[in-house]
């Protein structure tokens, strides 16, 4: 074979190798997918046919729908078990936290959320990898004319021991006050374990607080749980107490209304030993962002 023939022959062999691979990559027949069109319509169903220009999708209750590929904003393959009783149960974007406490399940890489509680508490977290996330928060007292305000950072590590069943994790809340000279800052180092998945889990954790250059001798114990009762509602509870210290128990109990694009947490925060106190209302809004 002459040199002049070698290059065209190489291109022919390469194209014959790439073409079937690319065609196979586009053959999603039988897959369950979530499609969002350019006008914001979301369709979930099984692909029954696909070609270069169109996808024919079978949607429960609607039958077969033909969608032009030029009209597709995003397409994501989902697990068939996400279809329950004919409804699409999107993966819980709020499944890594409770009212305030985190569990040991990690945010996915590129996924994140912003949480605002009663305007005063602001937190944002994002997954650096599937096992490491970083967050930050502040209390914006400058909105009320104050020159100083507290802030904190929130590193977290998650280790899936058995994926979807058991996780171990740890992290910290490391804070300070902008506009004031604080000695050593303040915060909490913690470790926790979580049994369950993003839709139903129980977490037990403990942490040691620090401030003024000293670390507490007594651990703060946290027990929290989450149960997703349907595709948009969850029951939540989290309890804190100091072992051996009577009357130190404190809890937040309530629920979460969580459509796919935001969440509203509501509940009552109260000391566990004070039977005559109803509690202080808890209200927060969370908006997920990034790669969910």
Protein backbone atom coordinates (compact mmCIF):
# COMPACT_ATOMS: atom_id res chain seq x y z
CA UNK A 1 0.00 0.00 0.00
CA UNK A 2 1.45 3.36 -1.07
CA UNK A 3 1.72 6.28 1.36
CA UNK A 4 -0.96 8.15 -0.63
CA UNK A 5 -3.40 5.29 -0.02
CA UNK A 6 -2.51 4.81 3.66
CA UNK A 7 -4.20 7.96 5.02
CA UNK A 8 -7.59 7.48 3.24
CA UNK A 9 -7.57 3.82 4.27
CA UNK A 10 -6.91 4.83 7.86
CA UNK A 11 -9.87 7.27 7.76
CA UNK A 12 -12.11 4.55 6.32
CA UNK A 13 -11.20 2.07 9.06
CA UNK A 14 -11.60 4.75 11.73
CA UNK A 15 -15.03 5.79 10.45
CA UNK A 16 -16.22 2.18 10.28
CA UNK A 17 -15.16 1.75 13.91
CA UNK A 18 -16.61 5.04 15.20
CA UNK A 19 -19.92 4.95 13.30
CA UNK A 20 -21.35 1.77 14.86
CA UNK A 21 -20.19 2.92 18.29
CA UNK A 22 -21.92 6.28 17.94
CA UNK A 23 -25.07 4.67 16.57
CA UNK A 24 -25.08 2.26 19.48
CA UNK A 25 -24.59 5.16 21.93
CA UNK A 26 -27.73 6.81 20.51
CA UNK A 27 -29.83 3.64 20.63
CA UNK A 28 -31.74 4.18 23.87
CA UNK A 29 -34.76 2.08 22.93
CA UNK A 30 -36.31 0.54 26.04
CA UNK A 31 -34.68 2.98 28.45
CA UNK A 32 -36.75 4.97 30.96
CA UNK A 33 -35.91 8.66 30.60
CA UNK A 34 -36.85 12.11 31.84
CA UNK A 35 -37.13 14.66 29.02
CA UNK A 36 -37.50 18.40 29.47
CA UNK A 37 -38.53 20.31 26.36
CA UNK A 38 -37.58 23.86 25.42
CA UNK A 39 -40.87 25.22 26.78
CA UNK A 40 -40.29 23.61 30.20
CA UNK A 41 -42.60 20.60 29.77
CA UNK A 42 -41.31 17.52 31.60
CA UNK A 43 -42.14 14.04 30.28
CA UNK A 44 -41.15 10.74 31.87
CA UNK A 45 -41.55 7.46 30.04
CA UNK A 46 -39.96 4.62 28.08
CA UNK A 47 -38.37 5.14 24.67
CA UNK A 48 -40.07 2.87 22.11
CA UNK A 49 -38.26 4.23 19.05
CA UNK A 50 -35.49 6.70 18.27
CA UNK A 51 -33.97 8.03 15.07
CA UNK A 52 -31.78 10.97 14.11
CA UNK A 53 -34.62 13.48 14.34
CA UNK A 54 -37.22 12.15 16.77
CA UNK A 55 -37.85 10.16 19.93
CA UNK A 56 -41.10 8.28 20.42
CA UNK A 57 -41.84 8.10 24.13
CA UNK A 58 -44.50 5.98 25.84
CA UNK A 59 -45.89 7.94 28.81
CA UNK A 60 -48.34 6.41 31.28
CA UNK A 61 -51.78 7.95 30.81
CA UNK A 62 -50.79 9.72 27.59
CA UNK A 63 -49.70 6.90 25.30
CA UNK A 64 -46.99 7.37 22.67
CA UNK A 65 -45.68 10.91 22.14
CA UNK A 66 -43.35 11.96 19.32
CA UNK A 67 -40.75 14.52 20.36
CA UNK A 68 -38.50 16.38 17.93
CA UNK A 69 -34.90 16.28 19.14
CA UNK A 70 -34.51 19.97 18.33
CA UNK A 71 -37.20 20.61 20.97
CA UNK A 72 -35.36 18.73 23.75
CA UNK A 73 -33.60 20.88 26.34
CA UNK A 74 -32.36 17.94 28.44
CA UNK A 75 -32.64 14.15 28.49
CA UNK A 76 -31.66 12.00 31.46
CA UNK A 77 -31.85 8.23 31.90
CA UNK A 78 -33.52 7.22 35.17
CA UNK A 79 -33.87 3.92 36.99
CA UNK A 80 -37.17 2.10 36.26
CA UNK A 81 -37.86 1.79 40.01
CA UNK A 82 -38.27 5.59 40.07
CA UNK A 83 -41.69 5.03 38.48
CA UNK A 84 -44.01 4.12 41.36
CA UNK A 85 -47.76 3.68 40.92
CA UNK A 86 -47.51 5.48 37.59
CA UNK A 87 -45.75 8.55 39.05
CA UNK A 88 -42.13 9.62 38.67
CA UNK A 89 -40.35 9.77 42.01
CA UNK A 90 -37.42 12.05 41.24
CA UNK A 91 -34.29 11.42 43.26
CA UNK A 92 -34.60 13.34 46.50
CA UNK A 93 -32.37 16.45 46.14
CA UNK A 94 -32.88 17.17 49.87
CA UNK A 95 -31.86 13.71 51.11
CA UNK A 96 -28.45 14.69 52.53
CA UNK A 97 -29.73 16.87 55.38
CA UNK A 98 -32.47 17.37 57.95
CA UNK A 99 -33.66 20.74 59.27
CA UNK A 100 -30.10 21.83 60.01
CA UNK A 101 -28.01 18.75 60.74
CA UNK A 102 -26.31 16.89 57.87
CA UNK A 103 -26.35 13.13 57.50
CA UNK A 104 -23.48 10.99 56.19
CA UNK A 105 -24.83 10.78 52.61
CA UNK A 106 -22.83 12.96 50.24
CA UNK A 107 -23.92 15.56 47.74
CA UNK A 108 -23.19 14.46 44.18
CA UNK A 109 -20.34 16.18 42.38
CA UNK A 110 -21.55 19.51 41.03
CA UNK A 111 -24.83 19.38 42.97
CA UNK A 112 -25.65 21.94 45.61
CA UNK A 113 -28.30 23.83 47.51
CA UNK A 114 -28.97 27.19 49.14
CA UNK A 115 -30.95 27.25 52.40
CA UNK A 116 -32.50 30.25 54.12
CA UNK A 117 -34.05 29.98 57.60
CA UNK A 118 -36.08 32.91 58.88
CA UNK A 119 -33.90 35.26 56.77
CA UNK A 120 -31.18 35.13 59.46
CA UNK A 121 -29.55 31.74 58.78
CA UNK A 122 -28.09 31.36 55.30
CA UNK A 123 -26.23 28.27 54.10
CA UNK A 124 -24.97 27.12 50.70
CA UNK A 125 -23.32 23.75 50.01
CA UNK A 126 -21.89 22.15 46.86
CA UNK A 127 -20.40 18.73 46.07
CA UNK A 128 -16.72 18.90 45.11
CA UNK A 129 -16.75 15.15 44.45
CA UNK A 130 -19.39 12.51 45.23
CA UNK A 131 -17.72 12.12 48.64
CA UNK A 132 -16.55 15.63 49.54
CA UNK A 133 -18.58 18.82 49.81
CA UNK A 134 -17.95 22.34 51.03
CA UNK A 135 -20.35 24.95 52.28
CA UNK A 136 -20.53 28.37 53.85
CA UNK A 137 -23.05 30.40 55.80
CA UNK A 138 -23.65 33.70 57.53
CA UNK A 139 -26.13 35.74 59.54
CA UNK A 140 -26.54 39.04 57.61
CA UNK A 141 -26.73 41.41 60.55
CA UNK A 142 -25.47 44.16 58.23
CA UNK A 143 -29.04 44.26 56.88
CA UNK A 144 -30.02 45.63 60.30
CA UNK A 145 -27.27 48.25 60.49
CA UNK A 146 -24.69 46.14 62.36
CA UNK A 147 -21.01 46.39 61.40
CA UNK A 148 -20.13 42.82 62.42
CA UNK A 149 -21.73 39.47 61.58
CA UNK A 150 -20.99 35.76 62.12
CA UNK A 151 -19.98 33.47 59.27
CA UNK A 152 -18.91 29.83 58.97
CA UNK A 153 -17.61 27.23 56.53
CA UNK A 154 -18.94 23.65 56.33
CA UNK A 155 -16.56 20.96 55.03
CA UNK A 156 -18.01 17.42 54.89
CA UNK A 157 -16.71 13.97 53.92
CA UNK A 158 -19.03 11.03 53.10
CA UNK A 159 -17.91 7.40 52.84
CA UNK A 160 -20.46 4.91 51.41
CA UNK A 161 -19.84 1.66 53.29
CA UNK A 162 -22.75 -0.07 51.53
CA UNK A 163 -24.21 2.18 48.84
CA UNK A 164 -27.85 3.01 49.52
CA UNK A 165 -27.78 1.32 52.93
CA UNK A 166 -24.98 2.49 55.20
CA UNK A 167 -22.71 5.56 55.24
CA UNK A 168 -20.07 7.06 57.50
CA UNK A 169 -19.08 10.68 57.46
CA UNK A 170 -17.58 13.61 59.24
CA UNK A 171 -17.09 17.32 58.97
CA UNK A 172 -17.05 20.60 60.78
CA UNK A 173 -18.67 23.96 61.31
CA UNK A 174 -15.80 26.46 61.54
CA UNK A 175 -16.90 30.00 62.25
CA UNK A 176 -15.84 33.48 63.13
CA UNK A 177 -17.18 37.02 63.31
CA UNK A 178 -16.43 39.58 60.61
CA UNK A 179 -15.64 42.97 62.14
CA UNK A 180 -14.53 41.61 65.51
CA UNK A 181 -11.26 40.18 66.81
CA UNK A 182 -12.30 36.71 68.01
CA UNK A 183 -9.82 34.39 69.70
CA UNK A 184 -9.68 31.11 67.76
CA UNK A 185 -13.18 31.35 66.31
CA UNK A 186 -15.98 28.97 67.19
CA UNK A 187 -17.59 25.84 65.80
CA UNK A 188 -18.01 22.09 65.98
CA UNK A 189 -16.15 19.01 64.73
CA UNK A 190 -18.42 15.99 64.17
CA UNK A 191 -18.64 12.41 62.97
CA UNK A 192 -21.80 10.48 62.06
CA UNK A 193 -23.22 7.30 60.58
CA UNK A 194 -26.38 6.99 58.49
CA UNK A 195 -28.49 3.91 57.88
CA UNK A 196 -30.75 4.02 54.81
CA UNK A 197 -30.95 5.98 51.57
CA UNK A 198 -32.00 9.47 50.43
CA UNK A 199 -35.70 8.66 50.87
CA UNK A 200 -35.57 7.03 54.31
CA UNK A 201 -32.69 7.24 56.75
CA UNK A 202 -31.60 7.48 60.38
CA UNK A 203 -28.43 9.26 61.53
CA UNK A 204 -26.52 9.09 64.79
CA UNK A 205 -23.68 11.51 65.28
CA UNK A 206 -21.56 13.21 67.88
CA UNK A 207 -19.48 16.37 67.89
CA UNK A 208 -17.22 18.48 70.04
CA UNK A 209 -17.72 22.21 70.16
CA UNK A 210 -14.86 24.70 70.37
CA UNK A 211 -14.50 28.39 71.04
CA UNK A 212 -12.01 30.80 72.55
CA UNK A 213 -9.18 28.37 71.84
CA UNK A 214 -10.74 25.55 73.89
CA UNK A 215 -12.55 22.34 72.96
CA UNK A 216 -15.49 20.97 74.96
CA UNK A 217 -14.97 17.84 77.06
CA UNK A 218 -18.58 16.75 76.60
CA UNK A 219 -19.80 15.56 73.20
CA UNK A 220 -22.97 16.86 71.62
CA UNK A 221 -25.03 13.87 70.46
CA UNK A 222 -27.38 14.13 67.48
CA UNK A 223 -30.10 11.67 66.41
CA UNK A 224 -32.00 12.57 63.24
CA UNK A 225 -34.38 10.85 60.84
CA UNK A 226 -36.17 11.36 57.52
CA UNK A 227 -39.03 9.45 55.87
CA UNK A 228 -40.32 10.31 52.39
CA UNK A 229 -44.03 9.51 52.50
CA UNK A 230 -44.80 10.41 48.88
CA UNK A 231 -43.03 12.05 45.95
CA UNK A 232 -43.19 15.57 47.44
CA UNK A 233 -43.55 15.21 51.24
CA UNK A 234 -41.16 14.09 53.98
CA UNK A 235 -41.35 13.76 57.76
CA UNK A 236 -38.31 15.07 59.65
CA UNK A 237 -36.94 15.06 63.15
CA UNK A 238 -33.63 15.89 64.79
CA UNK A 239 -32.63 15.76 68.45
CA UNK A 240 -29.55 17.14 70.25
CA UNK A 241 -28.43 16.43 73.80
CA UNK A 242 -25.36 16.45 76.06
CA UNK A 243 -24.90 13.04 77.76
CA UNK A 244 -25.15 13.18 81.53
CA UNK A 245 -26.52 16.72 81.61
CA UNK A 246 -30.16 16.78 82.66
CA UNK A 247 -32.44 19.06 80.66
CA UNK A 248 -29.99 19.50 77.80
CA UNK A 249 -32.20 17.81 75.20
CA UNK A 250 -33.45 19.92 72.30
CA UNK A 251 -35.33 18.89 69.17
CA UNK A 252 -36.91 20.06 65.92
CA UNK A 253 -39.89 18.11 64.56
CA UNK A 254 -41.99 18.66 61.47
CA UNK A 255 -42.13 18.09 57.74
CA UNK A 256 -40.80 19.06 54.35
CA UNK A 257 -42.75 19.83 51.21
CA UNK A 258 -40.22 19.19 48.48
CA UNK A 259 -41.10 19.36 44.79
CA UNK A 260 -38.13 18.80 42.51
CA UNK A 261 -37.02 22.44 42.31
CA UNK A 262 -37.31 23.68 45.90
CA UNK A 263 -38.19 22.65 49.45
CA UNK A 264 -40.13 24.21 52.30
CA UNK A 265 -39.24 22.94 55.79
CA UNK A 266 -41.60 23.65 58.67
CA UNK A 267 -41.70 22.46 62.26
CA UNK A 268 -41.37 23.29 65.93
CA UNK A 269 -38.09 23.67 67.79
CA UNK A 270 -38.37 22.99 71.51
CA UNK A 271 -36.52 21.75 74.61
CA UNK A 272 -37.41 18.12 75.27
CA UNK A 273 -37.79 18.47 79.04
CA UNK A 274 -40.13 21.50 79.02
CA UNK A 275 -43.62 20.02 78.67
CA UNK A 276 -45.24 23.44 79.13
CA UNK A 277 -43.49 24.94 76.08
CA UNK A 278 -45.11 24.32 72.70
CA UNK A 279 -42.04 25.36 70.75
CA UNK A 280 -40.64 27.99 68.41
CA UNK A 281 -41.71 27.75 64.76
CA UNK A 282 -39.05 26.67 62.29
CA UNK A 283 -39.40 27.75 58.68
CA UNK A 284 -36.82 27.49 55.93
CA UNK A 285 -36.65 27.45 52.13
CA UNK A 286 -34.08 25.44 50.19
CA UNK A 287 -33.28 25.71 46.49
CA UNK A 288 -31.16 22.97 44.86
CA UNK A 289 -28.86 23.85 41.98
CA UNK A 290 -26.25 22.31 39.73
CA UNK A 291 -25.96 18.67 38.70
CA UNK A 292 -28.91 16.99 40.39
